[in-house]
C-alpha atoms as a PDB file:
ATOM      1  CA  MET A   1       0.000   0.000   0.000  1.00  0.00           C
ATOM      2  CA  ALA A   2       1.408   3.348  -1.014  1.00  0.00           C
ATOM      3  CA  THR A   3       1.309   6.118   1.567  1.00  0.00           C
ATOM      4  CA  ARG A   4       1.814   9.847   1.771  1.00  0.00           C
ATOM      5  CA  ASN A   5       2.183  12.362   4.538  1.00  0.00           C
ATOM      6  CA  TYR A   6      -0.815  13.591   6.475  1.00  0.00           C
ATOM      7  CA  ASP A   7      -1.124  17.370   5.958  1.00  0.00           C
ATOM      8  CA  ARG A   8      -1.273  18.544   9.567  1.00  0.00           C
ATOM      9  CA  ALA A   9      -1.327  22.226   8.601  1.00  0.00           C
ATOM     10  CA  ALA A  10      -4.423  21.744   6.409  1.00  0.00           C
ATOM     11  CA  ALA A  11      -6.197  19.756   9.138  1.00  0.00           C
ATOM     12  CA  ILE A  12      -5.420  22.381  11.790  1.00  0.00           C
ATOM     13  CA  SER A  13      -6.489  25.202   9.488  1.00  0.00           C
ATOM     14  CA  TYR A  14      -9.822  23.454   8.892  1.00  0.00           C
ATOM     15  CA  ALA A  15     -10.298  22.922  12.639  1.00  0.00           C
ATOM     16  CA  LYS A  16      -9.707  26.589  13.391  1.00  0.00           C
ATOM     17  CA  LYS A  17     -12.068  27.717  10.632  1.00  0.00           C
ATOM     18  CA  TRP A  18     -14.994  25.454  11.576  1.00  0.00           C
ATOM     19  CA  ALA A  19     -14.666  24.854  15.347  1.00  0.00           C
ATOM     20  CA  LEU A  20     -17.234  27.508  16.235  1.00  0.00           C
ATOM     21  CA  ALA A  21     -19.472  27.039  13.188  1.00  0.00           C
ATOM     22  CA  ARG A  22     -20.815  24.259  10.971  1.00  0.00           C
ATOM     23  CA  ASN A  23     -19.573  23.566   7.476  1.00  0.00           C
ATOM     24  CA  PRO A  24     -22.791  23.301   5.420  1.00  0.00           C
ATOM     25  CA  ARG A  25     -21.254  20.436   3.420  1.00  0.00           C
ATOM     26  CA  TYR A  26     -21.667  18.164   6.468  1.00  0.00           C
ATOM     27  CA  TYR A  27     -24.691  17.099   8.465  1.00  0.00           C
ATOM     28  CA  ASN A  28     -24.833  18.488  12.017  1.00  0.00           C
ATOM     29  CA  PHE A  29     -25.150  15.513  14.392  1.00  0.00           C
ATOM     30  CA  ASP A  30     -25.708  17.633  17.534  1.00  0.00           C
ATOM     31  CA  ALA A  31     -29.354  16.570  17.869  1.00  0.00           C
ATOM     32  CA  VAL A  32     -28.584  12.863  17.395  1.00  0.00           C
ATOM     33  CA  GLY A  33     -25.801  12.162  19.868  1.00  0.00           C
ATOM     34  CA  GLY A  34     -23.292  14.919  19.146  1.00  0.00           C
ATOM     35  CA  ASP A  35     -21.136  16.301  16.359  1.00  0.00           C
ATOM     36  CA  CYS A  36     -17.724  15.875  18.003  1.00  0.00           C
ATOM     37  CA  THR A  37     -16.474  12.853  16.088  1.00  0.00           C
ATOM     38  CA  SER A  38     -17.908  14.038  12.769  1.00  0.00           C
ATOM     39  CA  PHE A  39     -15.993  17.295  13.271  1.00  0.00           C
ATOM     40  CA  VAL A  40     -12.778  15.389  14.037  1.00  0.00           C
ATOM     41  CA  SER A  41     -13.364  13.301  10.901  1.00  0.00           C
ATOM     42  CA  GLN A  42     -13.817  16.489   8.879  1.00  0.00           C
ATOM     43  CA  CYS A  43     -10.477  17.746  10.187  1.00  0.00           C
ATOM     44  CA  LEU A  44      -8.809  14.419   9.407  1.00  0.00           C
ATOM     45  CA  PHE A  45     -10.256  14.486   5.893  1.00  0.00           C
ATOM     46  CA  ALA A  46      -8.933  18.028   5.364  1.00  0.00           C
ATOM     47  CA  GLY A  47      -5.474  16.676   6.170  1.00  0.00           C
ATOM     48  CA  SER A  48      -5.755  13.359   4.338  1.00  0.00           C
ATOM     49  CA  LYS A  49      -8.014  14.028   1.332  1.00  0.00           C
ATOM     50  CA  LYS A  50      -8.697  10.301   1.198  1.00  0.00           C
ATOM     51  CA  MET A  51     -11.710   8.318   2.370  1.00  0.00           C
ATOM     52  CA  ASN A  52     -11.975   4.564   2.795  1.00  0.00           C
ATOM     53  CA  TYR A  53     -15.123   3.025   1.296  1.00  0.00           C
ATOM     54  CA  SER A  54     -14.552  -0.471   2.696  1.00  0.00           C
ATOM     55  CA  SER A  55     -17.847  -2.032   3.749  1.00  0.00           C
ATOM     56  CA  LYS A  56     -16.189  -3.836   6.676  1.00  0.00           C
ATOM     57  CA  ASN A  57     -14.291  -1.096   8.539  1.00  0.00           C
ATOM     58  CA  GLY A  58     -14.304   1.946   6.272  1.00  0.00           C
ATOM     59  CA  TRP A  59     -14.286   5.662   6.958  1.00  0.00           C
ATOM     60  CA  PHE A  60     -16.348   7.804   4.603  1.00  0.00           C
ATOM     61  CA  TYR A  61     -19.023  10.469   4.342  1.00  0.00           C
ATOM     62  CA  ASN A  62     -21.378  11.104   1.436  1.00  0.00           C
ATOM     63  CA  ASN A  63     -24.203  12.691   3.453  1.00  0.00           C
ATOM     64  CA  GLY A  64     -25.812  12.398   6.879  1.00  0.00           C
ATOM     65  CA  TYR A  65     -27.556   9.169   5.880  1.00  0.00           C
ATOM     66  CA  ASN A  66     -24.751   7.646   3.828  1.00  0.00           C
ATOM     67  CA  LYS A  67     -21.623   7.489   5.960  1.00  0.00           C
ATOM     68  CA  SER A  68     -19.601   4.927   7.810  1.00  0.00           C
ATOM     69  CA  PRO A  69     -20.108   4.439  11.577  1.00  0.00           C
ATOM     70  CA  SER A  70     -16.468   5.494  12.001  1.00  0.00           C
ATOM     71  CA  TRP A  71     -17.201   8.960  10.600  1.00  0.00           C
ATOM     72  CA  SER A  72     -19.327   9.974  13.585  1.00  0.00           C
ATOM     73  CA  GLY A  73     -18.899   7.311  16.287  1.00  0.00           C
ATOM     74  CA  VAL A  74     -16.171   7.698  18.924  1.00  0.00           C
ATOM     75  CA  GLU A  75     -15.289   4.006  19.301  1.00  0.00           C
ATOM     76  CA  PHE A  76     -15.698   3.304  15.578  1.00  0.00           C
ATOM     77  CA  LEU A  77     -13.301   6.126  14.631  1.00  0.00           C
ATOM     78  CA  TYR A  78     -10.732   4.872  17.127  1.00  0.00           C
ATOM     79  CA  LYS A  79     -10.989   1.325  15.747  1.00  0.00           C
ATOM     80  CA  PHE A  80     -10.709   2.558  12.154  1.00  0.00           C
ATOM     81  CA  LEU A  81      -7.664   4.745  12.767  1.00  0.00           C
ATOM     82  CA  THR A  82      -5.750   2.220  14.868  1.00  0.00           C
ATOM     83  CA  THR A  83      -6.417  -0.797  12.631  1.00  0.00           C
ATOM     84  CA  ASN A  84      -6.514   0.771   9.168  1.00  0.00           C
ATOM     85  CA  LYS A  85      -3.910  -0.771   6.860  1.00  0.00           C
ATOM     86  CA  SER A  86      -5.591   0.530   3.720  1.00  0.00           C
ATOM     87  CA  TYR A  87      -6.894   3.847   2.320  1.00  0.00           C
ATOM     88  CA  GLY A  88      -7.302   7.009   4.349  1.00  0.00           C
ATOM     89  CA  PRO A  89      -5.706   8.254   7.545  1.00  0.00           C
ATOM     90  CA  ARG A  90      -3.833   5.690   9.609  1.00  0.00           C
ATOM     91  CA  GLY A  91      -3.053   6.147  13.248  1.00  0.00           C
ATOM     92  CA  THR A  92      -1.593   4.554  16.289  1.00  0.00           C
ATOM     93  CA  ASP A  93      -2.475   4.614  19.971  1.00  0.00           C
ATOM     94  CA  VAL A  94       0.209   6.654  21.781  1.00  0.00           C
ATOM     95  CA  THR A  95       0.986   8.259  25.100  1.00  0.00           C
ATOM     96  CA  GLN A  96       0.556  12.010  25.441  1.00  0.00           C
ATOM     97  CA  ASP A  97       4.291  12.702  25.071  1.00  0.00           C
ATOM     98  CA  LYS A  98       4.088  11.414  21.456  1.00  0.00           C
ATOM     99  CA  ILE A  99       1.188  13.663  20.409  1.00  0.00           C
ATOM    100  CA  MET A 100       1.491  16.364  17.777  1.00  0.00           C
ATOM    101  CA  ALA A 101      -0.865  19.100  16.651  1.00  0.00           C
ATOM    102  CA  GLY A 102      -3.188  17.498  14.111  1.00  0.00           C
ATOM    103  CA  ASP A 103      -3.708  14.350  16.198  1.00  0.00           C
ATOM    104  CA  ILE A 104      -6.775  13.469  18.257  1.00  0.00           C
ATOM    105  CA  ALA A 105      -7.743  12.798  21.851  1.00  0.00           C
ATOM    106  CA  GLN A 106     -10.782  10.937  23.107  1.00  0.00           C
ATOM    107  CA  LEU A 107     -12.270  11.324  26.560  1.00  0.00           C
ATOM    108  CA  SER A 108     -14.221   9.069  28.874  1.00  0.00           C
ATOM    109  CA  PHE A 109     -16.374  10.826  31.434  1.00  0.00           C
ATOM    110  CA  LEU A 110     -17.905   7.763  33.071  1.00  0.00           C
ATOM    111  CA  GLY A 111     -14.898   5.459  32.982  1.00  0.00           C
ATOM    112  CA  ASP A 112     -16.346   2.548  31.032  1.00  0.00           C
ATOM    113  CA  LYS A 113     -16.356   3.898  27.474  1.00  0.00           C
ATOM    114  CA  PHE A 114     -15.008   6.826  25.498  1.00  0.00           C
ATOM    115  CA  GLU A 115     -17.643   9.414  24.616  1.00  0.00           C
ATOM    116  CA  HIS A 116     -15.998  12.550  23.233  1.00  0.00           C
ATOM    117  CA  SER A 117     -13.490  13.270  20.456  1.00  0.00           C
ATOM    118  CA  LEU A 118     -11.201  16.309  20.372  1.00  0.00           C
ATOM    119  CA  PHE A 119      -8.931  17.615  17.629  1.00  0.00           C
ATOM    120  CA  ILE A 120      -5.562  18.838  18.927  1.00  0.00           C
ATOM    121  CA  ILE A 121      -4.537  22.186  17.426  1.00  0.00           C
ATOM    122  CA  ASN A 122      -1.523  22.949  19.617  1.00  0.00           C
ATOM    123  CA  VAL A 123       0.795  21.057  21.947  1.00  0.00           C
ATOM    124  CA  GLY A 124       2.879  22.942  24.467  1.00  0.00           C
ATOM    125  CA  ASN A 125       4.613  20.942  27.195  1.00  0.00           C
ATOM    126  CA  SER A 126       3.909  17.300  26.327  1.00  0.00           C
ATOM    127  CA  ASN A 127       3.760  16.442  30.039  1.00  0.00           C
ATOM    128  CA  ASP A 128       1.081  19.033  30.866  1.00  0.00           C
ATOM    129  CA  LEU A 129      -2.459  18.677  29.461  1.00  0.00           C
ATOM    130  CA  ASN A 130      -3.085  22.302  30.405  1.00  0.00           C
ATOM    131  CA  THR A 131      -0.852  23.245  27.455  1.00  0.00           C
ATOM    132  CA  PHE A 132      -2.704  21.117  24.852  1.00  0.00           C
ATOM    133  CA  SER A 133      -5.244  23.236  22.925  1.00  0.00           C
ATOM    134  CA  VAL A 134      -8.157  21.624  21.135  1.00  0.00           C
ATOM    135  CA  ALA A 135     -11.000  22.355  18.764  1.00  0.00           C
ATOM    136  CA  ALA A 136     -14.264  20.450  19.136  1.00  0.00           C
ATOM    137  CA  HIS A 137     -17.959  20.329  18.316  1.00  0.00           C
ATOM    138  CA  THR A 138     -21.050  19.398  20.321  1.00  0.00           C
ATOM    139  CA  TYR A 139     -19.830  21.771  23.009  1.00  0.00           C
ATOM    140  CA  ASP A 140     -18.054  24.013  20.535  1.00  0.00           C
ATOM    141  CA  VAL A 141     -14.572  25.128  21.545  1.00  0.00           C
ATOM    142  CA  LEU A 142     -11.512  26.610  19.926  1.00  0.00           C
ATOM    143  CA  GLY A 143      -8.349  26.774  21.984  1.00  0.00           C
ATOM    144  CA  LYS A 144      -9.724  25.069  25.107  1.00  0.00           C
ATOM    145  CA  LYS A 145      -7.087  23.238  27.130  1.00  0.00           C
ATOM    146  CA  ILE A 146      -7.548  19.494  27.552  1.00  0.00           C
ATOM    147  CA  GLY A 147      -6.752  19.885  31.232  1.00  0.00           C
ATOM    148  CA  ALA A 148      -9.916  22.000  31.611  1.00  0.00           C
ATOM    149  CA  TYR A 149     -12.121  18.977  30.860  1.00  0.00           C
ATOM    150  CA  ASN A 150     -13.389  16.873  33.762  1.00  0.00           C
ATOM    151  CA  PHE A 151     -12.715  13.353  32.464  1.00  0.00           C
ATOM    152  CA  SER A 152     -11.908   9.984  33.991  1.00  0.00           C
ATOM    153  CA  LYS A 153      -9.799   8.572  31.121  1.00  0.00           C
ATOM    154  CA  ILE A 154      -8.081   9.886  28.025  1.00  0.00           C
ATOM    155  CA  ARG A 155      -6.504   8.259  25.009  1.00  0.00           C
ATOM    156  CA  PHE A 156      -4.527   9.715  22.124  1.00  0.00           C
ATOM    157  CA  VAL A 157      -4.241   8.722  18.478  1.00  0.00           C
ATOM    158  CA  HIS A 158      -1.274   9.909  16.454  1.00  0.00           C
ATOM    159  CA  ILE A 159      -1.920  10.112  12.710  1.00  0.00           C
ATOM    160  CA  LYS A 160       1.053   8.403  11.056  1.00  0.00           C
ATOM    161  CA  ASP A 161       0.279   8.710   7.367  1.00  0.00           C
ATOM    162  CA  VAL A 162      -2.396   8.342   4.700  1.00  0.00           C
ATOM    163  CA  GLY A 163      -2.950   5.177   2.707  1.00  0.00           C
ATOM    164  CA  ILE A 164      -3.432   6.005  -0.966  1.00  0.00           C
END
C-alpha cells in the first residue's frame, strides 16, 4: 500500500475555521448524539483528502444518511484509525508525550467507554495537558485546554500517514 504524509497544517487550518461554526457540506449531528467525532473526521479528511469506502471497517461520508459508523462514532473512529492498513488516515495509539498538533484525543467521562473526540490544534509541554489546545464540536470550543475537561480517562491517536 502506497502512503503519503498527512497534511497537519491543512487539518489544523480546517479545525480553526470550523470549530465555532458548521460547514454546510456536512450534516450536524448535535441533535442525534453529538457532532464531536464528525468534526474530528472532517479535520482528518482536510489533512488526508482520502476516504476509505470499505464495507467492513471503512471511513467515509457522502451525506448524513450515507456514511460509515467510524465517521461519527467515537469508538468506531478509534478502531478505524488504529487498525486501518488501507486507504485514508492511519493512526496509532500513543501516550501524550508522542502527540502532535493534528492528532486526536478521546475522553471518557464515566470510565467505562469513550464518549468525546477532540482535535488537537496545539501542543505545548507534552507532560502538561493544560498546554494542549483543542478544537471540538457538540460543546463548541476553539483553543480550550484538555486539562480544563473533567474526564476519567483519556486516550490519544497519532496520525502516522495516509494510505493512498
